[in-house]
Amino acid sequence: MRIGLLGTGPWARAAYAPALAGHGSLDFAGVWGRRPEAAAEVAKEYGVRVYDDVDALFADVDAVAVALPPAVQAELAVRAADAGRHLLLDKPLAIGVAEGRAVVEAAERARVASVVFFTTRFQQEPEAWIGEQASTAGWFTARAQWLGSVFTGDSLFAESPWRREKGALWDVGPHALSVLLPVLGDVRRVAAAVHGPADTVHLVLEHATGASSTVTLSLTAPPAAAGADVELRGEAGVTLLPRSAEGAVPALARAADALLTAAHTGRAHPCDAAFGLRVTEILTEAETVLGKDVG
């Protein structure tokens, strides 16, 4: 499968470009970026073609991988799908529900495969744990904490405009939901959402299975307090999401494997654009509830 990369920022360089270049079943064909000089640098590093015209890239590939801010990603994903290209997308799928739905509808219309890269869902130990817990009945409640120090430590994303604007809810909220939803079921209602320090938010979610979960999200945690934890409690006892020693590159390689499988079989992956849309819908509801928190 010939694949092109859209994006040249820190995430594209640290994760997407090396994952695509190192994948044995992908032909990394070229790169397009909003900054032509940055696109030229990435293309030179990996020995691929640089594209000034994104539609020309679409014409030369079978699939695209998108490492761009969500507002930009959604628009280009629709164009890529309309051109008949499979989609390897990043989270969140989109910032708005209408924009996310447009991606889903374009993919369905063109009958192209889509996979949204929720990192934890493609790391070996967490992926196996999620599958095991999803097949276990009787979960009562869950507690998830996704605490980053993006703006308080040394991070690739410290200068990310969209993260500064949208905060932890939209950056790490998708990670937490990607773990909770397959285990506890869809979110029936965002029962509560309140602000904490800086960009920190606290959510209470009611799930379709009758279970509840609490979620704490932050990009401004002290570096010593940063980390991700998920604890489940139910009839089977207590279990914790295992930590993974894997970085983003091998996880992205598995996401690419998932895209290849979905494209070849025609069967949707659980982390497809439709799942990404559902995450966007839940985050939008949480944002609405947060807007009522005047404290």
C-alpha atoms as a PDB file:
ATOM      1  CA  MET A   1       0.000   0.000   0.000  1.00  0.00           C
ATOM      2  CA  ARG A   2       1.406   3.388  -1.032  1.00  0.00           C
ATOM      3  CA  ILE A   3       0.856   5.941   1.712  1.00  0.00           C
ATOM      4  CA  GLY A   4       1.470   9.652   1.997  1.00  0.00           C
ATOM      5  CA  LEU A   5       1.991  11.741   5.118  1.00  0.00           C
ATOM      6  CA  LEU A   6       0.118  14.971   5.767  1.00  0.00           C
ATOM      7  CA  GLY A   7       1.906  17.026   8.399  1.00  0.00           C
ATOM      8  CA  THR A   8       5.445  18.000   9.340  1.00  0.00           C
ATOM      9  CA  GLY A   9       5.197  19.039  12.982  1.00  0.00           C
ATOM     10  CA  PRO A  10       6.793  17.402  16.040  1.00  0.00           C
ATOM     11  CA  TRP A  11       4.289  14.505  16.142  1.00  0.00           C
ATOM     12  CA  ALA A  12       4.688  13.812  12.428  1.00  0.00           C
ATOM     13  CA  ARG A  13       8.468  13.725  12.781  1.00  0.00           C
ATOM     14  CA  ALA A  14       8.645  11.798  16.053  1.00  0.00           C
ATOM     15  CA  ALA A  15       6.010   9.154  15.321  1.00  0.00           C
ATOM     16  CA  TYR A  16       4.350   9.100  11.922  1.00  0.00           C
ATOM     17  CA  ALA A  17       7.299   9.464   9.558  1.00  0.00           C
ATOM     18  CA  PRO A  18       9.460   6.790  11.237  1.00  0.00           C
ATOM     19  CA  ALA A  19       6.485   4.425  11.604  1.00  0.00           C
ATOM     20  CA  LEU A  20       5.565   4.712   7.930  1.00  0.00           C
ATOM     21  CA  ALA A  21       9.160   4.462   6.746  1.00  0.00           C
ATOM     22  CA  GLY A  22       9.864   1.386   8.857  1.00  0.00           C
ATOM     23  CA  HIS A  23       6.697  -0.554   8.014  1.00  0.00           C
ATOM     24  CA  GLY A  24       7.376  -3.567   5.822  1.00  0.00           C
ATOM     25  CA  SER A  25       3.987  -3.525   4.090  1.00  0.00           C
ATOM     26  CA  LEU A  26       3.802   0.190   3.358  1.00  0.00           C
ATOM     27  CA  ASP A  27       5.482   2.213   0.644  1.00  0.00           C
ATOM     28  CA  PHE A  28       6.075   5.636   2.177  1.00  0.00           C
ATOM     29  CA  ALA A  29       5.561   7.646  -0.999  1.00  0.00           C
ATOM     30  CA  GLY A  30       5.697  11.309  -0.015  1.00  0.00           C
ATOM     31  CA  VAL A  31       4.882  14.132   2.348  1.00  0.00           C
ATOM     32  CA  TRP A  32       2.829  17.305   2.225  1.00  0.00           C
ATOM     33  CA  GLY A  33       2.788  20.041   4.827  1.00  0.00           C
ATOM     34  CA  ARG A  34       1.407  23.487   5.404  1.00  0.00           C
ATOM     35  CA  ARG A  35       5.005  24.738   5.638  1.00  0.00           C
ATOM     36  CA  PRO A  36       6.772  23.782   2.390  1.00  0.00           C
ATOM     37  CA  GLU A  37      10.241  24.136   3.887  1.00  0.00           C
ATOM     38  CA  ALA A  38       9.396  21.715   6.693  1.00  0.00           C
ATOM     39  CA  ALA A  39       7.871  19.266   4.228  1.00  0.00           C
ATOM     40  CA  ALA A  40      11.061  19.407   2.188  1.00  0.00           C
ATOM     41  CA  GLU A  41      13.129  18.606   5.294  1.00  0.00           C
ATOM     42  CA  VAL A  42      11.029  15.549   6.174  1.00  0.00           C
ATOM     43  CA  ALA A  43      11.023  14.347   2.573  1.00  0.00           C
ATOM     44  CA  LYS A  44      14.796  14.648   2.350  1.00  0.00           C
ATOM     45  CA  GLU A  45      15.321  12.795   5.635  1.00  0.00           C
ATOM     46  CA  TYR A  46      13.281   9.812   4.435  1.00  0.00           C
ATOM     47  CA  GLY A  47      14.139   9.925   0.751  1.00  0.00           C
ATOM     48  CA  VAL A  48      10.570  10.478  -0.390  1.00  0.00           C
ATOM     49  CA  ARG A  49       8.894  12.999  -2.645  1.00  0.00           C
ATOM     50  CA  VAL A  50       7.768  16.352  -1.305  1.00  0.00           C
ATOM     51  CA  TYR A  51       4.395  17.553  -2.571  1.00  0.00           C
ATOM     52  CA  ASP A  52       3.390  21.193  -2.879  1.00  0.00           C
ATOM     53  CA  ASP A  53      -0.160  20.210  -3.898  1.00  0.00           C
ATOM     54  CA  VAL A  54      -2.032  17.920  -1.527  1.00  0.00           C
ATOM     55  CA  ASP A  55      -4.356  16.758  -4.296  1.00  0.00           C
ATOM     56  CA  ALA A  56      -1.324  15.615  -6.288  1.00  0.00           C
ATOM     57  CA  LEU A  57      -0.293  13.507  -3.306  1.00  0.00           C
ATOM     58  CA  PHE A  58      -3.788  12.017  -3.118  1.00  0.00           C
ATOM     59  CA  ALA A  59      -3.507  11.064  -6.774  1.00  0.00           C
ATOM     60  CA  ASP A  60      -0.274   9.125  -6.186  1.00  0.00           C
ATOM     61  CA  VAL A  61      -1.159   7.040  -3.112  1.00  0.00           C
ATOM     62  CA  ASP A  62      -3.619   4.465  -1.800  1.00  0.00           C
ATOM     63  CA  ALA A  63      -3.836   5.917   1.713  1.00  0.00           C
ATOM     64  CA  VAL A  64      -2.891   8.937   3.765  1.00  0.00           C
ATOM     65  CA  ALA A  65      -1.666   9.295   7.334  1.00  0.00           C
ATOM     66  CA  VAL A  66      -2.635  12.587   8.935  1.00  0.00           C
ATOM     67  CA  ALA A  67      -0.577  14.268  11.660  1.00  0.00           C
ATOM     68  CA  LEU A  68      -2.205  17.681  11.726  1.00  0.00           C
ATOM     69  CA  PRO A  69      -4.327  19.698  14.174  1.00  0.00           C
ATOM     70  CA  PRO A  70      -7.852  18.236  14.334  1.00  0.00           C
ATOM     71  CA  ALA A  71      -9.534  21.194  12.642  1.00  0.00           C
ATOM     72  CA  VAL A  72      -7.175  20.808   9.661  1.00  0.00           C
ATOM     73  CA  GLN A  73      -7.283  17.003   9.744  1.00  0.00           C
ATOM     74  CA  ALA A  74     -11.047  16.766   9.347  1.00  0.00           C
ATOM     75  CA  GLU A  75     -11.189  18.888   6.205  1.00  0.00           C
ATOM     76  CA  LEU A  76      -8.297  17.087   4.514  1.00  0.00           C
ATOM     77  CA  ALA A  77      -9.599  13.665   5.549  1.00  0.00           C
ATOM     78  CA  VAL A  78     -12.856  14.377   3.714  1.00  0.00           C
ATOM     79  CA  ARG A  79     -10.911  15.392   0.607  1.00  0.00           C
ATOM     80  CA  ALA A  80      -8.724  12.293   0.821  1.00  0.00           C
ATOM     81  CA  ALA A  81     -11.722   9.985   1.246  1.00  0.00           C
ATOM     82  CA  ASP A  82     -13.489  11.679  -1.671  1.00  0.00           C
ATOM     83  CA  ALA A  83     -10.362  10.843  -3.696  1.00  0.00           C
ATOM     84  CA  GLY A  84     -10.766   7.188  -2.670  1.00  0.00           C
ATOM     85  CA  ARG A  85      -7.877   7.073  -0.190  1.00  0.00           C
ATOM     86  CA  HIS A  86      -7.849   5.039   3.010  1.00  0.00           C
ATOM     87  CA  LEU A  87      -7.368   7.047   6.197  1.00  0.00           C
ATOM     88  CA  LEU A  88      -4.921   6.695   9.089  1.00  0.00           C
ATOM     89  CA  LEU A  89      -6.004   9.536  11.348  1.00  0.00           C
ATOM     90  CA  ASP A  90      -4.997  10.994  14.688  1.00  0.00           C
ATOM     91  CA  LYS A  91      -7.092  11.751  17.715  1.00  0.00           C
ATOM     92  CA  PRO A  92      -9.277  13.676  18.153  1.00  0.00           C
ATOM     93  CA  LEU A  93     -10.915  13.040  14.818  1.00  0.00           C
ATOM     94  CA  ALA A  94     -12.318  16.568  14.835  1.00  0.00           C
ATOM     95  CA  ILE A  95     -13.153  19.363  17.259  1.00  0.00           C
ATOM     96  CA  GLY A  96     -16.743  19.707  16.046  1.00  0.00           C
ATOM     97  CA  VAL A  97     -19.391  17.022  15.645  1.00  0.00           C
ATOM     98  CA  ALA A  98     -20.402  18.228  12.185  1.00  0.00           C
ATOM     99  CA  GLU A  99     -16.784  18.089  10.991  1.00  0.00           C
ATOM    100  CA  GLY A 100     -16.310  14.599  12.427  1.00  0.00           C
ATOM    101  CA  ARG A 101     -19.537  13.374  10.881  1.00  0.00           C
ATOM    102  CA  ALA A 102     -18.392  14.711   7.505  1.00  0.00           C
ATOM    103  CA  VAL A 103     -15.286  12.488   7.729  1.00  0.00           C
ATOM    104  CA  VAL A 104     -17.388   9.425   8.574  1.00  0.00           C
ATOM    105  CA  GLU A 105     -19.837  10.096   5.782  1.00  0.00           C
ATOM    106  CA  ALA A 106     -17.050  10.663   3.249  1.00  0.00           C
ATOM    107  CA  ALA A 107     -15.359   7.389   4.229  1.00  0.00           C
ATOM    108  CA  GLU A 108     -18.651   5.510   4.004  1.00  0.00           C
ATOM    109  CA  ARG A 109     -19.503   7.100   0.686  1.00  0.00           C
ATOM    110  CA  ALA A 110     -16.129   6.186  -0.813  1.00  0.00           C
ATOM    111  CA  ARG A 111     -16.022   2.797   0.953  1.00  0.00           C
ATOM    112  CA  VAL A 112     -12.525   3.443   2.238  1.00  0.00           C
ATOM    113  CA  ALA A 113     -11.057   2.084   5.461  1.00  0.00           C
ATOM    114  CA  SER A 114     -10.276   4.322   8.402  1.00  0.00           C
ATOM    115  CA  VAL A 115      -8.335   3.932  11.638  1.00  0.00           C
ATOM    116  CA  VAL A 116      -7.953   6.612  14.299  1.00  0.00           C
ATOM    117  CA  PHE A 117      -4.711   6.321  16.263  1.00  0.00           C
ATOM    118  CA  PHE A 118      -5.570   6.161  19.962  1.00  0.00           C
ATOM    119  CA  THR A 119      -2.103   5.243  21.254  1.00  0.00           C
ATOM    120  CA  THR A 120      -3.149   3.015  24.150  1.00  0.00           C
ATOM    121  CA  ARG A 121      -5.443   0.936  21.949  1.00  0.00           C
ATOM    122  CA  PHE A 122      -2.462  -0.123  19.825  1.00  0.00           C
ATOM    123  CA  GLN A 123       0.078  -0.893  22.559  1.00  0.00           C
ATOM    124  CA  GLN A 124       0.390  -4.625  23.178  1.00  0.00           C
ATOM    125  CA  GLU A 125      -0.126  -4.942  26.939  1.00  0.00           C
ATOM    126  CA  PRO A 126      -2.916  -2.335  27.240  1.00  0.00           C
ATOM    127  CA  GLU A 127      -4.657  -3.677  24.133  1.00  0.00           C
ATOM    128  CA  ALA A 128      -4.716  -7.202  25.564  1.00  0.00           C
ATOM    129  CA  TRP A 129      -5.927  -5.902  28.940  1.00  0.00           C
ATOM    130  CA  ILE A 130      -8.744  -3.902  27.338  1.00  0.00           C
ATOM    131  CA  GLY A 131      -9.889  -6.959  25.415  1.00  0.00           C
ATOM    132  CA  GLU A 132      -9.858  -9.088  28.544  1.00  0.00           C
ATOM    133  CA  GLN A 133     -11.828  -6.564  30.596  1.00  0.00           C
ATOM    134  CA  ALA A 134     -14.324  -5.987  27.790  1.00  0.00           C
ATOM    135  CA  SER A 135     -15.208  -9.682  27.938  1.00  0.00           C
ATOM    136  CA  THR A 136     -15.659  -9.568  31.733  1.00  0.00           C
ATOM    137  CA  ALA A 137     -19.126  -8.758  33.028  1.00  0.00           C
ATOM    138  CA  GLY A 138     -20.140  -6.941  36.176  1.00  0.00           C
ATOM    139  CA  TRP A 139     -18.019  -3.801  36.184  1.00  0.00           C
ATOM    140  CA  PHE A 140     -19.367  -1.351  38.730  1.00  0.00           C
ATOM    141  CA  THR A 141     -17.200   1.745  38.349  1.00  0.00           C
ATOM    142  CA  ALA A 142     -13.927   3.013  36.925  1.00  0.00           C
ATOM    143  CA  ARG A 143     -11.472   5.772  37.691  1.00  0.00           C
ATOM    144  CA  ALA A 144      -9.282   7.193  34.936  1.00  0.00           C
ATOM    145  CA  GLN A 145      -6.559   9.797  35.267  1.00  0.00           C
ATOM    146  CA  TRP A 146      -4.663  11.121  32.247  1.00  0.00           C
ATOM    147  CA  LEU A 147      -2.253  13.740  33.536  1.00  0.00           C
ATOM    148  CA  GLY A 148       0.295  15.353  31.273  1.00  0.00           C
ATOM    149  CA  SER A 149       2.892  18.028  31.880  1.00  0.00           C
ATOM    150  CA  VAL A 150       2.814  19.420  28.350  1.00  0.00           C
ATOM    151  CA  PHE A 151       2.835  23.029  29.540  1.00  0.00           C
ATOM    152  CA  THR A 152       4.773  22.490  32.769  1.00  0.00           C
ATOM    153  CA  GLY A 153       7.637  20.314  31.541  1.00  0.00           C
ATOM    154  CA  ASP A 154       9.806  19.553  28.524  1.00  0.00           C
ATOM    155  CA  SER A 155       7.302  18.449  25.889  1.00  0.00           C
ATOM    156  CA  LEU A 156       7.257  18.238  22.104  1.00  0.00           C
ATOM    157  CA  PHE A 157       3.819  19.823  22.220  1.00  0.00           C
ATOM    158  CA  ALA A 158       4.491  22.805  24.479  1.00  0.00           C
ATOM    159  CA  GLU A 159       4.023  25.242  21.592  1.00  0.00           C
ATOM    160  CA  SER A 160       0.975  23.510  20.115  1.00  0.00           C
ATOM    161  CA  PRO A 161      -1.650  26.235  19.500  1.00  0.00           C
ATOM    162  CA  TRP A 162      -4.628  23.894  19.372  1.00  0.00           C
ATOM    163  CA  ARG A 163      -3.647  22.188  22.645  1.00  0.00           C
ATOM    164  CA  ARG A 164      -3.290  25.562  24.338  1.00  0.00           C
ATOM    165  CA  GLU A 165      -6.728  26.538  23.079  1.00  0.00           C
ATOM    166  CA  LYS A 166      -8.629  23.288  23.738  1.00  0.00           C
ATOM    167  CA  GLY A 167      -6.664  21.887  26.688  1.00  0.00           C
ATOM    168  CA  ALA A 168      -6.638  18.450  28.238  1.00  0.00           C
ATOM    169  CA  LEU A 169     -10.280  17.650  27.524  1.00  0.00           C
ATOM    170  CA  TRP A 170      -9.592  17.398  23.800  1.00  0.00           C
ATOM    171  CA  ASP A 171      -5.977  16.214  23.867  1.00  0.00           C
ATOM    172  CA  VAL A 172      -5.910  13.431  26.465  1.00  0.00           C
ATOM    173  CA  GLY A 173      -9.660  13.013  26.900  1.00  0.00           C
ATOM    174  CA  PRO A 174      -9.774  10.839  23.752  1.00  0.00           C
ATOM    175  CA  HIS A 175      -7.190   8.490  25.274  1.00  0.00           C
ATOM    176  CA  ALA A 176      -9.254   7.963  28.423  1.00  0.00           C
ATOM    177  CA  LEU A 177     -12.469   7.406  26.460  1.00  0.00           C
ATOM    178  CA  SER A 178     -10.751   4.964  24.115  1.00  0.00           C
ATOM    179  CA  VAL A 179     -10.062   2.726  27.116  1.00  0.00           C
ATOM    180  CA  LEU A 180     -13.339   3.182  29.008  1.00  0.00           C
ATOM    181  CA  LEU A 181     -15.842   2.779  26.164  1.00  0.00           C
ATOM    182  CA  PRO A 182     -14.953  -0.751  25.028  1.00  0.00           C
ATOM    183  CA  VAL A 183     -15.040  -1.965  28.648  1.00  0.00           C
ATOM    184  CA  LEU A 184     -17.960  -0.071  30.216  1.00  0.00           C
ATOM    185  CA  GLY A 185     -19.983   0.628  27.097  1.00  0.00           C
ATOM    186  CA  ASP A 186     -21.018   3.855  25.441  1.00  0.00           C
ATOM    187  CA  VAL A 187     -21.466   7.000  27.510  1.00  0.00           C
ATOM    188  CA  ARG A 188     -25.159   7.506  28.124  1.00  0.00           C
ATOM    189  CA  ARG A 189     -24.703  10.884  29.810  1.00  0.00           C
ATOM    190  CA  VAL A 190     -21.995  13.256  31.016  1.00  0.00           C
ATOM    191  CA  ALA A 191     -23.453  13.561  34.505  1.00  0.00           C
ATOM    192  CA  ALA A 192     -21.014  16.210  35.719  1.00  0.00           C
ATOM    193  CA  ALA A 193     -18.020  18.180  34.495  1.00  0.00           C
ATOM    194  CA  VAL A 194     -16.065  20.736  36.517  1.00  0.00           C
ATOM    195  CA  HIS A 195     -12.857  22.681  36.129  1.00  0.00           C
ATOM    196  CA  GLY A 196      -9.784  21.992  38.224  1.00  0.00           C
ATOM    197  CA  PRO A 197      -6.457  23.859  38.300  1.00  0.00           C
ATOM    198  CA  ALA A 198      -5.384  25.455  35.006  1.00  0.00           C
ATOM    199  CA  ASP A 199      -6.683  23.266  32.150  1.00  0.00           C
ATOM    200  CA  THR A 200      -7.571  20.329  34.433  1.00  0.00           C
ATOM    201  CA  VAL A 201     -11.102  18.958  34.156  1.00  0.00           C
ATOM    202  CA  HIS A 202     -13.028  16.326  36.130  1.00  0.00           C
ATOM    203  CA  LEU A 203     -15.818  14.326  34.495  1.00  0.00           C
ATOM    204  CA  VAL A 204     -18.435  11.905  35.790  1.00  0.00           C
ATOM    205  CA  LEU A 205     -19.794   9.592  33.109  1.00  0.00           C
ATOM    206  CA  GLU A 206     -22.783   7.251  33.079  1.00  0.00           C
ATOM    207  CA  HIS A 207     -22.301   4.251  30.785  1.00  0.00           C
ATOM    208  CA  ALA A 208     -24.784   2.126  28.874  1.00  0.00           C
ATOM    209  CA  THR A 209     -23.982  -0.920  31.014  1.00  0.00           C
ATOM    210  CA  GLY A 210     -25.107   0.919  34.159  1.00  0.00           C
ATOM    211  CA  ALA A 211     -21.537   1.466  35.338  1.00  0.00           C
ATOM    212  CA  SER A 212     -20.140   4.895  36.097  1.00  0.00           C
ATOM    213  CA  SER A 213     -16.681   6.360  35.673  1.00  0.00           C
ATOM    214  CA  THR A 214     -14.760   9.383  36.877  1.00  0.00           C
ATOM    215  CA  VAL A 215     -12.137  10.960  34.640  1.00  0.00           C
ATOM    216  CA  THR A 216      -9.467  13.520  35.498  1.00  0.00           C
ATOM    217  CA  LEU A 217      -7.608  15.139  32.621  1.00  0.00           C
ATOM    218  CA  SER A 218      -4.764  17.658  32.610  1.00  0.00           C
ATOM    219  CA  LEU A 219      -1.910  18.973  30.505  1.00  0.00           C
ATOM    220  CA  THR A 220      -0.621  21.163  33.330  1.00  0.00           C
ATOM    221  CA  ALA A 221       0.218  18.617  36.026  1.00  0.00           C
ATOM    222  CA  PRO A 222       3.588  18.859  37.775  1.00  0.00           C
ATOM    223  CA  PRO A 223       6.055  16.659  35.884  1.00  0.00           C
ATOM    224  CA  ALA A 224       6.462  14.394  38.927  1.00  0.00           C
ATOM    225  CA  ALA A 225       2.688  13.822  38.985  1.00  0.00           C
ATOM    226  CA  ALA A 226       2.238  13.073  35.287  1.00  0.00           C
ATOM    227  CA  GLY A 227       1.017   9.694  34.104  1.00  0.00           C
ATOM    228  CA  ALA A 228      -2.009   7.702  33.030  1.00  0.00           C
ATOM    229  CA  ASP A 229      -3.951   5.288  35.230  1.00  0.00           C
ATOM    230  CA  VAL A 230      -7.219   3.414  34.822  1.00  0.00           C
ATOM    231  CA  GLU A 231      -8.716   1.360  37.649  1.00  0.00           C
ATOM    232  CA  LEU A 232     -11.776  -0.873  37.231  1.00  0.00           C
ATOM    233  CA  ARG A 233     -13.848  -2.216  40.120  1.00  0.00           C
ATOM    234  CA  GLY A 234     -16.619  -4.771  39.845  1.00  0.00           C
ATOM    235  CA  GLU A 235     -17.739  -8.312  40.528  1.00  0.00           C
ATOM    236  CA  ALA A 236     -14.384  -9.631  39.275  1.00  0.00           C
ATOM    237  CA  GLY A 237     -12.501  -7.452  41.748  1.00  0.00           C
ATOM    238  CA  VAL A 238     -10.059  -4.634  41.031  1.00  0.00           C
ATOM    239  CA  THR A 239      -7.748  -4.358  38.042  1.00  0.00           C
ATOM    240  CA  LEU A 240      -5.406  -1.674  36.714  1.00  0.00           C
ATOM    241  CA  LEU A 241      -4.471  -0.739  33.165  1.00  0.00           C
ATOM    242  CA  PRO A 242      -0.933  -2.095  32.654  1.00  0.00           C
ATOM    243  CA  ARG A 243       1.769   0.331  31.656  1.00  0.00           C
ATOM    244  CA  SER A 244       3.483  -0.176  28.329  1.00  0.00           C
ATOM    245  CA  ALA A 245       7.182   0.150  27.629  1.00  0.00           C
ATOM    246  CA  GLU A 246       6.392   0.745  23.962  1.00  0.00           C
ATOM    247  CA  GLY A 247       6.602   4.159  22.418  1.00  0.00           C
ATOM    248  CA  ALA A 248       4.418   5.664  19.750  1.00  0.00           C
ATOM    249  CA  VAL A 249       6.260   4.256  16.720  1.00  0.00           C
ATOM    250  CA  PRO A 250       5.534   0.537  17.273  1.00  0.00           C
ATOM    251  CA  ALA A 251       1.973   1.408  18.291  1.00  0.00           C
ATOM    252  CA  LEU A 252       1.522   3.368  15.079  1.00  0.00           C
ATOM    253  CA  ALA A 253       2.900   0.417  13.132  1.00  0.00           C
ATOM    254  CA  ARG A 254       0.078  -1.684  14.596  1.00  0.00           C
ATOM    255  CA  ALA A 255      -2.438   1.000  13.671  1.00  0.00           C
ATOM    256  CA  ALA A 256      -1.098   0.788  10.115  1.00  0.00           C
ATOM    257  CA  ASP A 257      -1.507  -3.006  10.277  1.00  0.00           C
ATOM    258  CA  ALA A 258      -5.123  -2.424  11.311  1.00  0.00           C
ATOM    259  CA  LEU A 259      -5.675  -0.092   8.366  1.00  0.00           C
ATOM    260  CA  LEU A 260      -4.196  -2.630   5.961  1.00  0.00           C
ATOM    261  CA  THR A 261      -6.461  -5.361   7.350  1.00  0.00           C
ATOM    262  CA  ALA A 262      -9.559  -3.167   7.180  1.00  0.00           C
ATOM    263  CA  ALA A 263      -8.740  -2.141   3.612  1.00  0.00           C
ATOM    264  CA  HIS A 264      -8.196  -5.745   2.498  1.00  0.00           C
ATOM    265  CA  THR A 265     -11.170  -7.288   4.296  1.00  0.00           C
ATOM    266  CA  GLY A 266     -13.693  -4.475   4.153  1.00  0.00           C
ATOM    267  CA  ARG A 267     -14.397  -4.971   7.865  1.00  0.00           C
ATOM    268  CA  ALA A 268     -14.316  -1.853  10.029  1.00  0.00           C
ATOM    269  CA  HIS A 269     -11.774  -1.640  12.839  1.00  0.00           C
ATOM    270  CA  PRO A 270     -13.130  -0.818  16.326  1.00  0.00           C
ATOM    271  CA  CYS A 271     -11.113   2.432  16.260  1.00  0.00           C
ATOM    272  CA  ASP A 272     -12.471   3.628  12.931  1.00  0.00           C
ATOM    273  CA  ALA A 273     -13.706   7.113  12.091  1.00  0.00           C
ATOM    274  CA  ALA A 274     -17.165   6.277  13.461  1.00  0.00           C
ATOM    275  CA  PHE A 275     -15.615   5.540  16.862  1.00  0.00           C
ATOM    276  CA  GLY A 276     -13.612   8.754  16.566  1.00  0.00           C
ATOM    277  CA  LEU A 277     -16.863  10.616  15.910  1.00  0.00           C
ATOM    278  CA  ARG A 278     -18.466   9.114  19.009  1.00  0.00           C
ATOM    279  CA  VAL A 279     -15.519  10.313  21.085  1.00  0.00           C
ATOM    280  CA  THR A 280     -15.943  13.801  19.607  1.00  0.00           C
ATOM    281  CA  GLU A 281     -19.653  13.747  20.485  1.00  0.00           C
ATOM    282  CA  ILE A 282     -18.921  12.840  24.112  1.00  0.00           C
ATOM    283  CA  LEU A 283     -16.209  15.495  24.422  1.00  0.00           C
ATOM    284  CA  THR A 284     -18.572  18.074  22.950  1.00  0.00           C
ATOM    285  CA  GLU A 285     -21.203  17.166  25.538  1.00  0.00           C
ATOM    286  CA  ALA A 286     -18.584  17.416  28.290  1.00  0.00           C
ATOM    287  CA  GLU A 287     -17.524  20.830  26.993  1.00  0.00           C
ATOM    288  CA  THR A 288     -21.146  21.987  27.134  1.00  0.00           C
ATOM    289  CA  VAL A 289     -21.499  20.797  30.726  1.00  0.00           C
ATOM    290  CA  LEU A 290     -18.185  22.449  31.620  1.00  0.00           C
ATOM    291  CA  GLY A 291     -19.547  25.717  30.254  1.00  0.00           C
ATOM    292  CA  LYS A 292     -22.171  25.616  33.023  1.00  0.00           C
ATOM    293  CA  ASP A 293     -19.461  25.333  35.698  1.00  0.00           C
ATOM    294  CA  VAL A 294     -19.095  28.918  36.874  1.00  0.00           C
ATOM    295  CA  GLY A 295     -16.989  27.967  39.894  1.00  0.00           C
END
